[in-house]
């Protein structure tokens, strides 16, 4: 399956919000929300990645496999300049990210700290992974 995945970003001082649009070659699709770290000049572990097009592949995550005790596959965002290990996964709070991209259904300040969080992240990632069915894709990240 060939799919088009686009994140349209809005930069905030504390983090980055995104609208995700996914469409396959048959015109089927869905949209969701994303959170990332704030822009910090692409610094490892503290910044979102630059606006660009990236190849994404369904690969085993060494980090998530260690935590769960069995192989866990996620989409890896490849060819990020001076970065590696960037993944698309579930995360409710931006403080749980180290450069990766989290998907969810809506923005809400869950913990009342003034920073928008993501809701339904596990369900949204599962839906996205099922929709993509392990197929490679090009992720386009652009500014609002």
N, C-alpha and C. Protein backbone atom coordinates (compact mmCIF):
# COMPACT_ATOMS: atom_id res chain seq x y z
N UNK A 1 0.84 -1.18 0.00
CA UNK A 1 0.00 0.00 0.00
C UNK A 1 0.89 1.24 0.00
N UNK A 2 0.59 2.16 -0.86
CA UNK A 2 1.29 3.44 -0.86
C UNK A 2 0.42 4.44 -0.12
N UNK A 3 1.05 5.19 0.77
CA UNK A 3 0.30 6.16 1.56
C UNK A 3 1.04 7.49 1.59
N UNK A 4 0.27 8.52 1.80
CA UNK A 4 0.79 9.87 1.94
C UNK A 4 0.54 10.29 3.39
N UNK A 5 1.58 10.62 4.13
CA UNK A 5 1.44 11.04 5.53
C UNK A 5 2.08 12.43 5.65
N UNK A 6 1.28 13.38 6.11
CA UNK A 6 1.73 14.76 6.23
C UNK A 6 1.45 15.26 7.64
N UNK A 7 2.44 15.90 8.25
CA UNK A 7 2.25 16.58 9.54
C UNK A 7 2.41 18.07 9.27
N UNK A 8 1.37 18.82 9.60
CA UNK A 8 1.42 20.28 9.50
C UNK A 8 1.59 20.81 10.91
N UNK A 9 2.70 21.47 11.15
CA UNK A 9 3.11 21.86 12.50
C UNK A 9 2.76 23.29 12.88
N UNK A 10 2.61 23.46 14.20
CA UNK A 10 2.52 24.78 14.82
C UNK A 10 3.53 24.79 15.96
N UNK A 11 4.48 25.71 15.91
CA UNK A 11 5.53 25.77 16.92
C UNK A 11 5.09 26.63 18.11
N UNK A 12 5.30 26.11 19.30
CA UNK A 12 5.06 26.84 20.54
C UNK A 12 6.37 26.88 21.31
N UNK A 13 6.52 27.78 22.27
CA UNK A 13 7.78 27.82 23.03
C UNK A 13 8.07 26.53 23.79
N UNK A 14 7.04 25.82 24.23
CA UNK A 14 7.22 24.64 25.05
C UNK A 14 7.25 23.33 24.28
N UNK A 15 6.59 23.28 23.12
CA UNK A 15 6.53 22.07 22.32
C UNK A 15 5.93 22.39 20.95
N UNK A 16 5.76 21.35 20.14
CA UNK A 16 5.27 21.50 18.78
C UNK A 16 4.00 20.68 18.62
N UNK A 17 2.96 21.31 18.11
CA UNK A 17 1.69 20.64 17.85
C UNK A 17 1.58 20.37 16.35
N UNK A 18 0.89 19.29 16.00
CA UNK A 18 0.73 18.97 14.59
C UNK A 18 -0.62 18.38 14.27
N UNK A 19 -1.03 18.57 13.04
CA UNK A 19 -2.20 17.90 12.48
C UNK A 19 -1.66 16.89 11.48
N UNK A 20 -2.04 15.63 11.65
CA UNK A 20 -1.55 14.54 10.81
C UNK A 20 -2.65 14.13 9.84
N UNK A 21 -2.31 14.06 8.57
CA UNK A 21 -3.24 13.60 7.53
C UNK A 21 -2.63 12.40 6.84
N UNK A 22 -3.39 11.31 6.78
CA UNK A 22 -2.92 10.07 6.14
C UNK A 22 -3.94 9.64 5.09
N UNK A 23 -3.46 9.40 3.88
CA UNK A 23 -4.33 8.91 2.81
C UNK A 23 -3.60 7.84 2.03
N UNK A 24 -4.32 6.76 1.69
CA UNK A 24 -3.70 5.71 0.90
C UNK A 24 -4.05 5.87 -0.57
N UNK A 25 -3.52 4.97 -1.39
CA UNK A 25 -3.70 5.07 -2.83
C UNK A 25 -5.16 4.89 -3.26
N UNK A 26 -6.01 4.40 -2.38
CA UNK A 26 -7.43 4.21 -2.69
C UNK A 26 -8.30 5.37 -2.21
N UNK A 27 -7.65 6.40 -1.63
CA UNK A 27 -8.40 7.55 -1.15
C UNK A 27 -8.91 7.41 0.27
N UNK A 28 -8.63 6.27 0.91
CA UNK A 28 -9.03 6.09 2.31
C UNK A 28 -8.03 6.80 3.20
N UNK A 29 -8.48 7.28 4.33
CA UNK A 29 -7.55 7.94 5.21
C UNK A 29 -8.13 8.32 6.55
N UNK A 30 -7.34 8.98 7.32
CA UNK A 30 -7.77 9.50 8.61
C UNK A 30 -6.84 10.62 9.00
N UNK A 31 -7.24 11.35 10.03
CA UNK A 31 -6.37 12.39 10.56
C UNK A 31 -6.33 12.27 12.08
N UNK A 32 -5.28 12.81 12.65
CA UNK A 32 -5.11 12.80 14.10
C UNK A 32 -4.24 13.98 14.48
N UNK A 33 -3.82 14.04 15.71
CA UNK A 33 -2.97 15.11 16.21
C UNK A 33 -1.60 14.53 16.54
N UNK A 34 -0.60 15.43 16.65
CA UNK A 34 0.73 14.99 17.06
C UNK A 34 1.34 16.01 18.01
N UNK A 35 2.24 15.53 18.85
CA UNK A 35 3.07 16.42 19.67
C UNK A 35 4.53 16.01 19.46
N UNK A 36 5.38 17.03 19.55
CA UNK A 36 6.82 16.83 19.47
C UNK A 36 7.47 17.84 20.41
N UNK A 37 8.74 17.67 20.61
CA UNK A 37 9.49 18.66 21.37
C UNK A 37 9.50 20.00 20.64
N UNK A 38 9.84 21.06 21.33
CA UNK A 38 9.97 22.38 20.71
C UNK A 38 11.16 22.36 19.74
N UNK A 39 11.17 23.32 18.82
CA UNK A 39 12.30 23.43 17.89
C UNK A 39 13.51 23.99 18.64
N UNK A 40 14.58 23.21 18.65
CA UNK A 40 15.85 23.60 19.28
C UNK A 40 17.00 23.30 18.32
N UNK A 41 16.85 23.75 17.08
CA UNK A 41 17.90 23.59 16.05
C UNK A 41 18.32 22.14 15.82
N UNK A 42 17.37 21.23 15.91
CA UNK A 42 17.59 19.80 15.65
C UNK A 42 18.57 19.15 16.61
N UNK A 43 18.72 19.68 17.80
CA UNK A 43 19.61 19.08 18.79
C UNK A 43 19.03 17.74 19.26
N UNK A 44 19.91 16.76 19.33
CA UNK A 44 19.53 15.40 19.73
C UNK A 44 18.87 15.40 21.12
N UNK A 45 17.77 14.69 21.25
CA UNK A 45 17.02 14.45 22.49
C UNK A 45 16.27 15.65 23.04
N UNK A 46 16.43 16.85 22.46
CA UNK A 46 15.74 18.03 23.00
C UNK A 46 14.97 18.82 21.94
N UNK A 47 15.01 18.39 20.68
CA UNK A 47 14.38 19.14 19.60
C UNK A 47 13.52 18.23 18.73
N UNK A 48 12.50 18.83 18.12
CA UNK A 48 11.80 18.14 17.05
C UNK A 48 12.74 18.12 15.84
N UNK A 49 12.41 17.33 14.85
CA UNK A 49 13.25 17.22 13.66
C UNK A 49 12.89 18.34 12.67
N UNK A 50 13.78 18.64 11.74
CA UNK A 50 13.51 19.72 10.78
C UNK A 50 12.36 19.43 9.83
N UNK A 51 11.75 20.47 9.32
CA UNK A 51 10.77 20.37 8.25
C UNK A 51 11.47 19.75 7.04
N UNK A 52 10.86 18.69 6.47
CA UNK A 52 11.45 18.03 5.31
C UNK A 52 10.59 16.81 4.97
N UNK A 53 11.07 16.01 4.02
CA UNK A 53 10.46 14.73 3.68
C UNK A 53 11.37 13.63 4.19
N UNK A 54 10.78 12.62 4.84
CA UNK A 54 11.57 11.54 5.44
C UNK A 54 10.99 10.18 5.06
N UNK A 55 11.89 9.24 4.80
CA UNK A 55 11.50 7.86 4.57
C UNK A 55 11.21 7.22 5.93
N UNK A 56 10.08 6.52 6.05
CA UNK A 56 9.71 5.84 7.29
C UNK A 56 9.56 4.34 7.02
N UNK A 57 10.11 3.52 7.91
CA UNK A 57 10.06 2.07 7.77
C UNK A 57 9.60 1.44 9.07
N UNK A 58 8.90 0.32 8.95
CA UNK A 58 8.40 -0.47 10.08
C UNK A 58 9.56 -1.32 10.58
N UNK A 59 10.13 -0.96 11.73
CA UNK A 59 11.32 -1.65 12.22
C UNK A 59 11.18 -1.97 13.71
N UNK A 60 11.98 -2.93 14.14
CA UNK A 60 12.01 -3.30 15.56
C UNK A 60 12.67 -2.17 16.34
N UNK A 61 12.02 -1.77 17.41
CA UNK A 61 12.55 -0.71 18.27
C UNK A 61 13.37 -1.32 19.40
N UNK A 62 14.67 -1.08 19.44
CA UNK A 62 15.48 -1.61 20.53
C UNK A 62 15.02 -1.10 21.90
N UNK A 63 14.64 0.15 21.98
CA UNK A 63 14.23 0.75 23.26
C UNK A 63 12.91 0.16 23.75
N UNK A 64 11.90 0.13 22.89
CA UNK A 64 10.60 -0.37 23.33
C UNK A 64 10.61 -1.88 23.53
N UNK A 65 11.45 -2.60 22.78
CA UNK A 65 11.53 -4.05 22.96
C UNK A 65 12.12 -4.39 24.33
N UNK A 66 13.07 -3.60 24.82
CA UNK A 66 13.65 -3.84 26.14
C UNK A 66 12.61 -3.65 27.24
N UNK A 67 11.79 -2.63 27.11
CA UNK A 67 10.79 -2.34 28.14
C UNK A 67 9.71 -3.40 28.22
N UNK A 68 9.30 -3.93 27.09
CA UNK A 68 8.18 -4.86 27.06
C UNK A 68 8.62 -6.32 27.14
N UNK A 69 9.89 -6.58 26.90
CA UNK A 69 10.39 -7.94 26.98
C UNK A 69 10.23 -8.75 25.71
N UNK A 70 9.62 -8.20 24.68
CA UNK A 70 9.48 -8.90 23.41
C UNK A 70 9.63 -7.87 22.28
N UNK A 71 9.90 -8.33 21.07
CA UNK A 71 10.09 -7.38 19.98
C UNK A 71 8.87 -6.47 19.79
N UNK A 72 9.12 -5.20 19.71
CA UNK A 72 8.08 -4.22 19.45
C UNK A 72 8.48 -3.45 18.21
N UNK A 73 7.58 -3.39 17.25
CA UNK A 73 7.83 -2.68 16.01
C UNK A 73 7.11 -1.34 16.02
N UNK A 74 7.78 -0.32 15.50
CA UNK A 74 7.21 1.00 15.34
C UNK A 74 7.74 1.57 14.03
N UNK A 75 7.16 2.66 13.61
CA UNK A 75 7.70 3.34 12.43
C UNK A 75 8.90 4.17 12.83
N UNK A 76 9.99 3.95 12.11
CA UNK A 76 11.23 4.70 12.33
C UNK A 76 11.35 5.76 11.24
N UNK A 77 11.60 7.00 11.65
CA UNK A 77 11.80 8.11 10.72
C UNK A 77 13.30 8.14 10.40
N UNK A 78 13.63 7.87 9.17
CA UNK A 78 15.04 7.73 8.78
C UNK A 78 15.56 8.97 8.05
N UNK A 79 16.88 9.01 7.94
CA UNK A 79 17.59 10.06 7.19
C UNK A 79 17.39 11.45 7.78
N UNK A 80 17.21 11.53 9.10
CA UNK A 80 17.14 12.82 9.77
C UNK A 80 18.59 13.28 9.97
N UNK A 81 18.94 14.48 9.50
CA UNK A 81 20.33 14.93 9.63
C UNK A 81 20.83 14.89 11.08
N UNK A 82 21.97 14.24 11.27
CA UNK A 82 22.65 14.15 12.58
C UNK A 82 21.80 13.54 13.69
N UNK A 83 20.81 12.73 13.32
CA UNK A 83 19.93 12.10 14.32
C UNK A 83 19.65 10.66 13.92
N UNK A 84 19.29 9.85 14.90
CA UNK A 84 18.86 8.47 14.64
C UNK A 84 17.88 8.06 15.73
N UNK A 85 17.21 6.96 15.49
CA UNK A 85 16.28 6.42 16.49
C UNK A 85 15.00 7.22 16.64
N UNK A 86 14.65 8.04 15.67
CA UNK A 86 13.41 8.82 15.73
C UNK A 86 12.25 7.89 15.37
N UNK A 87 11.25 7.83 16.24
CA UNK A 87 10.13 6.91 16.06
C UNK A 87 8.80 7.64 16.15
N UNK A 88 7.78 7.03 15.57
CA UNK A 88 6.40 7.47 15.72
C UNK A 88 5.77 6.49 16.70
N UNK A 89 5.32 7.01 17.85
CA UNK A 89 4.77 6.12 18.88
C UNK A 89 3.78 6.86 19.77
N UNK A 90 3.23 6.18 20.73
CA UNK A 90 2.28 6.81 21.66
C UNK A 90 3.05 7.51 22.78
N UNK A 91 2.53 8.64 23.21
CA UNK A 91 3.05 9.39 24.37
C UNK A 91 2.02 10.47 24.67
N UNK A 92 1.58 10.52 25.88
CA UNK A 92 0.58 11.50 26.28
C UNK A 92 1.20 12.87 26.50
N UNK A 93 2.38 12.90 27.10
CA UNK A 93 3.03 14.15 27.50
C UNK A 93 4.31 14.38 26.71
N UNK A 94 4.56 15.62 26.34
CA UNK A 94 5.77 15.95 25.58
C UNK A 94 7.02 15.62 26.39
N UNK A 95 6.94 15.67 27.71
CA UNK A 95 8.11 15.36 28.54
C UNK A 95 8.55 13.90 28.41
N UNK A 96 7.73 13.05 27.81
CA UNK A 96 8.08 11.65 27.59
C UNK A 96 8.77 11.43 26.25
N UNK A 97 8.99 12.50 25.50
CA UNK A 97 9.62 12.38 24.18
C UNK A 97 11.08 12.80 24.22
N UNK A 98 11.88 12.16 23.37
CA UNK A 98 13.30 12.52 23.22
C UNK A 98 13.62 12.73 21.75
N UNK A 99 12.72 13.41 21.07
CA UNK A 99 12.92 13.68 19.65
C UNK A 99 11.96 12.94 18.75
N UNK A 100 11.17 12.03 19.31
CA UNK A 100 10.21 11.26 18.53
C UNK A 100 8.92 12.05 18.30
N UNK A 101 7.99 11.43 17.61
CA UNK A 101 6.70 12.03 17.29
C UNK A 101 5.61 11.15 17.90
N UNK A 102 4.71 11.77 18.66
CA UNK A 102 3.60 11.03 19.27
C UNK A 102 2.30 11.40 18.57
N UNK A 103 1.44 10.41 18.36
CA UNK A 103 0.12 10.62 17.76
C UNK A 103 -0.96 10.40 18.80
N UNK A 104 -2.06 11.16 18.68
CA UNK A 104 -3.21 11.02 19.54
C UNK A 104 -4.45 11.58 18.87
N UNK A 105 -5.59 11.51 19.57
CA UNK A 105 -6.84 11.94 18.93
C UNK A 105 -7.15 13.41 19.14
N UNK A 106 -6.72 13.99 20.26
CA UNK A 106 -7.03 15.41 20.51
C UNK A 106 -6.02 16.01 21.48
N UNK A 107 -5.99 17.34 21.51
CA UNK A 107 -5.14 18.07 22.44
C UNK A 107 -5.96 18.44 23.67
N UNK A 108 -5.35 18.25 24.83
CA UNK A 108 -5.97 18.67 26.09
C UNK A 108 -4.89 18.77 27.15
N UNK A 109 -4.99 19.74 28.01
CA UNK A 109 -4.04 19.90 29.11
C UNK A 109 -4.45 18.95 30.23
N UNK A 110 -4.05 17.71 30.12
CA UNK A 110 -4.49 16.64 31.03
C UNK A 110 -3.98 16.87 32.45
N UNK A 111 -2.72 17.24 32.59
CA UNK A 111 -2.12 17.37 33.92
C UNK A 111 -2.12 18.82 34.43
N UNK A 112 -2.81 19.71 33.73
CA UNK A 112 -3.01 21.11 34.18
C UNK A 112 -1.70 21.86 34.39
N UNK A 113 -0.70 21.61 33.51
CA UNK A 113 0.58 22.32 33.61
C UNK A 113 0.71 23.44 32.58
N UNK A 114 -0.36 23.71 31.84
CA UNK A 114 -0.34 24.76 30.83
C UNK A 114 0.19 24.31 29.48
N UNK A 115 0.53 23.04 29.34
CA UNK A 115 1.06 22.49 28.09
C UNK A 115 0.04 21.48 27.55
N UNK A 116 -0.33 21.64 26.28
CA UNK A 116 -1.29 20.71 25.69
C UNK A 116 -0.68 19.32 25.56
N UNK A 117 -1.46 18.32 25.96
CA UNK A 117 -1.07 16.92 25.91
C UNK A 117 -1.91 16.23 24.84
N UNK A 118 -1.70 14.93 24.65
CA UNK A 118 -2.46 14.15 23.68
C UNK A 118 -3.36 13.15 24.38
N UNK A 119 -4.55 12.95 23.83
CA UNK A 119 -5.46 11.94 24.36
C UNK A 119 -5.47 10.72 23.43
N UNK A 120 -5.85 9.59 23.97
CA UNK A 120 -6.06 8.34 23.21
C UNK A 120 -4.84 7.96 22.36
N UNK A 121 -3.65 8.09 22.93
CA UNK A 121 -2.44 7.87 22.14
C UNK A 121 -2.23 6.40 21.77
N UNK A 122 -2.49 5.50 22.68
CA UNK A 122 -2.30 4.07 22.38
C UNK A 122 -3.26 3.63 21.28
N UNK A 123 -4.51 4.02 21.39
CA UNK A 123 -5.52 3.65 20.38
C UNK A 123 -5.21 4.29 19.03
N UNK A 124 -4.76 5.54 19.04
CA UNK A 124 -4.46 6.23 17.79
C UNK A 124 -3.27 5.60 17.07
N UNK A 125 -2.22 5.28 17.83
CA UNK A 125 -1.06 4.62 17.22
C UNK A 125 -1.45 3.25 16.69
N UNK A 126 -2.26 2.51 17.41
CA UNK A 126 -2.70 1.20 16.93
C UNK A 126 -3.47 1.34 15.62
N UNK A 127 -4.36 2.32 15.56
CA UNK A 127 -5.13 2.56 14.34
C UNK A 127 -4.20 2.94 13.19
N UNK A 128 -3.26 3.83 13.44
CA UNK A 128 -2.29 4.24 12.42
C UNK A 128 -1.48 3.04 11.94
N UNK A 129 -0.95 2.25 12.86
CA UNK A 129 -0.15 1.08 12.49
C UNK A 129 -0.98 0.08 11.68
N UNK A 130 -2.23 -0.14 12.07
CA UNK A 130 -3.11 -1.04 11.31
C UNK A 130 -3.38 -0.48 9.91
N UNK A 131 -3.64 0.82 9.85
CA UNK A 131 -3.91 1.48 8.56
C UNK A 131 -2.70 1.34 7.63
N UNK A 132 -1.51 1.56 8.17
CA UNK A 132 -0.29 1.50 7.36
C UNK A 132 0.13 0.07 7.04
N UNK A 133 -0.22 -0.89 7.90
CA UNK A 133 0.02 -2.31 7.67
C UNK A 133 1.49 -2.65 7.38
N UNK A 134 2.40 -1.94 8.05
CA UNK A 134 3.82 -2.24 7.89
C UNK A 134 4.45 -1.69 6.62
N UNK A 135 3.68 -0.97 5.81
CA UNK A 135 4.22 -0.44 4.55
C UNK A 135 5.11 0.77 4.81
N UNK A 136 6.19 0.86 4.06
CA UNK A 136 7.05 2.04 4.11
C UNK A 136 6.29 3.22 3.54
N UNK A 137 6.67 4.44 3.95
CA UNK A 137 6.03 5.64 3.42
C UNK A 137 6.96 6.83 3.55
N UNK A 138 6.61 7.90 2.87
CA UNK A 138 7.31 9.16 2.97
C UNK A 138 6.49 10.07 3.89
N UNK A 139 7.14 10.55 4.93
CA UNK A 139 6.53 11.50 5.87
C UNK A 139 6.93 12.90 5.45
N UNK A 140 5.95 13.74 5.21
CA UNK A 140 6.20 15.13 4.89
C UNK A 140 5.88 15.96 6.12
N UNK A 141 6.86 16.71 6.60
CA UNK A 141 6.64 17.60 7.73
C UNK A 141 6.75 19.02 7.20
N UNK A 142 5.69 19.81 7.45
CA UNK A 142 5.69 21.19 6.98
C UNK A 142 5.14 22.11 8.05
N UNK A 143 5.40 23.40 7.88
CA UNK A 143 4.91 24.39 8.83
C UNK A 143 3.51 24.84 8.45
N UNK A 144 2.76 25.23 9.44
CA UNK A 144 1.39 25.74 9.24
C UNK A 144 1.41 27.03 8.48
